[in-house]
């Protein structure tokens, strides 16, 4: 099943280009034009990754990122921020704000796709690790219950 990517950018032309690029590379992509809309749709649609512009009216990309991270339902959605602002302070701020990746505009489509692939793979590995830990905890609980049963049966 194709991963769902939400593209959040107030520049409709760029958002359409990004959606087309992602769909050509076997992702399911949807564009969203505002930060407020992105927060609502993230809750409802549970995307696998959000690609968001930093510079937007009303809520900028970092405000949206903070909103996503503060909600337990959306906190773990991987977010890649993108901006025409490519100086080191903005890159650092992007990482400090807990994004999962940063892309400077203009960008090479191959670099964007590679960043998305890496972030999605890392998120999948983290989910698998979490599931493995949960399974181990359940197995440990079953073992303790078996031991208790055997102690009372003897």
Protein backbone atom coordinates (compact mmCIF):
# COMPACT_ATOMS: atom_id res chain seq x y z
CA UNK A 1 0.00 0.00 0.00
CA UNK A 2 1.32 3.45 -0.92
CA UNK A 3 2.38 5.73 1.89
CA UNK A 4 0.18 8.81 2.40
CA UNK A 5 1.99 12.13 2.29
CA UNK A 6 0.34 15.43 3.12
CA UNK A 7 1.88 18.39 1.28
CA UNK A 8 1.30 21.65 3.15
CA UNK A 9 2.17 24.77 1.17
CA UNK A 10 0.28 27.97 0.44
CA UNK A 11 1.95 28.13 -2.99
CA UNK A 12 -0.58 26.18 -5.08
CA UNK A 13 1.79 25.77 -8.03
CA UNK A 14 4.54 24.23 -5.92
CA UNK A 15 2.04 22.09 -3.99
CA UNK A 16 0.67 20.69 -7.27
CA UNK A 17 4.20 19.98 -8.53
CA UNK A 18 5.05 18.19 -5.28
CA UNK A 19 1.86 16.11 -5.39
CA UNK A 20 2.60 15.11 -9.00
CA UNK A 21 6.22 14.23 -8.15
CA UNK A 22 5.14 12.12 -5.19
CA UNK A 23 2.39 10.34 -7.12
CA UNK A 24 4.81 9.58 -9.97
CA UNK A 25 6.97 7.89 -7.32
CA UNK A 26 4.17 5.69 -5.96
CA UNK A 27 3.11 7.78 -2.98
CA UNK A 28 -0.45 8.81 -2.28
CA UNK A 29 -0.24 12.60 -1.93
CA UNK A 30 -2.70 15.28 -0.91
CA UNK A 31 -2.16 19.03 -0.85
CA UNK A 32 -3.29 21.31 1.94
CA UNK A 33 -3.06 25.10 1.65
CA UNK A 34 -2.91 26.23 5.30
CA UNK A 35 -1.50 25.27 8.66
CA UNK A 36 -4.93 25.18 10.32
CA UNK A 37 -6.24 22.86 7.65
CA UNK A 38 -3.13 20.68 8.03
CA UNK A 39 -3.73 20.23 11.77
CA UNK A 40 -7.38 19.23 11.17
CA UNK A 41 -6.57 16.84 8.34
CA UNK A 42 -3.66 15.24 10.20
CA UNK A 43 -6.06 14.28 12.99
CA UNK A 44 -8.62 12.90 10.57
CA UNK A 45 -6.46 11.32 7.85
CA UNK A 46 -3.40 10.03 9.77
CA UNK A 47 -0.81 10.60 7.03
CA UNK A 48 2.42 8.61 6.99
CA UNK A 49 4.44 11.81 6.52
CA UNK A 50 3.81 15.55 6.34
CA UNK A 51 5.88 17.74 4.02
CA UNK A 52 5.39 21.33 5.16
CA UNK A 53 6.57 24.78 4.11
CA UNK A 54 7.91 26.99 6.89
CA UNK A 55 6.70 30.33 5.53
CA UNK A 56 2.91 30.38 5.43
CA UNK A 57 0.29 32.90 6.58
CA UNK A 58 -1.56 32.42 9.88
CA UNK A 59 0.28 29.36 11.22
CA UNK A 60 3.81 28.89 9.89
CA UNK A 61 5.36 25.45 9.49
CA UNK A 62 6.99 25.50 12.92
CA UNK A 63 3.67 26.46 14.57
CA UNK A 64 2.02 23.52 12.81
CA UNK A 65 4.87 21.23 13.86
CA UNK A 66 4.47 22.33 17.48
CA UNK A 67 0.73 21.70 17.24
CA UNK A 68 1.29 18.23 15.80
CA UNK A 69 3.85 17.31 18.45
CA UNK A 70 1.63 18.53 21.31
CA UNK A 71 -1.24 16.21 20.34
CA UNK A 72 -0.84 12.55 21.29
CA UNK A 73 -2.71 11.48 18.14
CA UNK A 74 -0.41 13.33 15.73
CA UNK A 75 2.81 13.56 17.75
CA UNK A 76 4.52 10.66 15.99
CA UNK A 77 3.73 11.62 12.39
CA UNK A 78 7.07 12.26 10.65
CA UNK A 79 7.41 15.85 9.42
CA UNK A 80 9.84 17.18 6.83
CA UNK A 81 9.99 20.97 6.73
CA UNK A 82 10.95 22.88 3.62
CA UNK A 83 11.78 26.52 3.11
CA UNK A 84 13.44 29.00 0.84
CA UNK A 85 15.27 30.08 3.98
CA UNK A 86 18.40 27.98 3.81
CA UNK A 87 20.69 29.66 6.30
CA UNK A 88 22.07 27.60 9.15
CA UNK A 89 19.83 29.17 11.81
CA UNK A 90 16.67 28.01 10.04
CA UNK A 91 18.06 24.51 9.57
CA UNK A 92 19.01 24.37 13.24
CA UNK A 93 15.64 25.78 14.28
CA UNK A 94 13.93 23.10 12.18
CA UNK A 95 15.75 20.36 14.02
CA UNK A 96 15.28 21.99 17.41
CA UNK A 97 11.56 22.19 16.72
CA UNK A 98 11.57 18.39 16.40
CA UNK A 99 11.15 17.96 12.66
CA UNK A 100 12.30 14.73 11.08
CA UNK A 101 14.00 16.38 8.13
CA UNK A 102 14.68 19.67 6.37
CA UNK A 103 14.79 20.54 2.67
CA UNK A 104 15.87 23.93 1.29
CA UNK A 105 14.01 25.43 -1.65
CA UNK A 106 14.84 25.22 -4.45
CA UNK A 107 15.57 21.53 -4.12
CA UNK A 108 16.57 18.69 -6.36
CA UNK A 109 13.60 16.31 -6.62
CA UNK A 110 15.96 13.36 -6.08
CA UNK A 111 17.14 14.87 -2.78
CA UNK A 112 13.55 15.43 -1.67
CA UNK A 113 12.55 11.86 -2.55
CA UNK A 114 15.62 10.46 -0.78
CA UNK A 115 14.86 12.49 2.36
CA UNK A 116 11.26 11.26 2.33
CA UNK A 117 12.39 7.66 1.82
CA UNK A 118 14.85 7.87 4.72
CA UNK A 119 12.34 9.50 7.08
CA UNK A 120 9.62 6.97 6.22
CA UNK A 121 12.02 4.05 6.67
CA UNK A 122 13.14 5.37 10.06
CA UNK A 123 9.51 5.80 11.15
CA UNK A 124 8.70 2.24 10.06
CA UNK A 125 11.71 0.86 11.93
CA UNK A 126 10.62 2.73 15.07
CA UNK A 127 7.09 1.32 14.78
CA UNK A 128 8.47 -2.21 14.36
CA UNK A 129 10.73 -1.76 17.38
CA UNK A 130 7.81 -0.50 19.44
CA UNK A 131 5.68 -3.50 18.36
CA UNK A 132 8.54 -5.88 19.18
CA UNK A 133 8.87 -4.37 22.66
CA UNK A 134 5.13 -4.68 23.17
CA UNK A 135 5.18 -8.31 22.04
CA UNK A 136 8.08 -9.05 24.40
CA UNK A 137 6.18 -7.49 27.30
CA UNK A 138 3.17 -9.68 26.49
CA UNK A 139 5.37 -12.80 26.29
CA UNK A 140 6.94 -11.91 29.65
CA UNK A 141 3.47 -11.51 31.16
CA UNK A 142 2.36 -14.88 29.79
CA UNK A 143 5.47 -16.52 31.21
CA UNK A 144 4.80 -15.01 34.67
CA UNK A 145 1.18 -16.18 34.54
CA UNK A 146 2.29 -19.69 33.54
CA UNK A 147 4.75 -19.75 36.44
CA UNK A 148 2.04 -18.62 38.87
CA UNK A 149 -0.33 -21.26 37.54
CA UNK A 150 2.25 -23.99 37.88
CA UNK A 151 3.07 -22.88 41.44
CA UNK A 152 -0.58 -23.05 42.48
CA UNK A 153 -1.21 -26.32 40.64
CA UNK A 154 1.56 -28.19 42.46
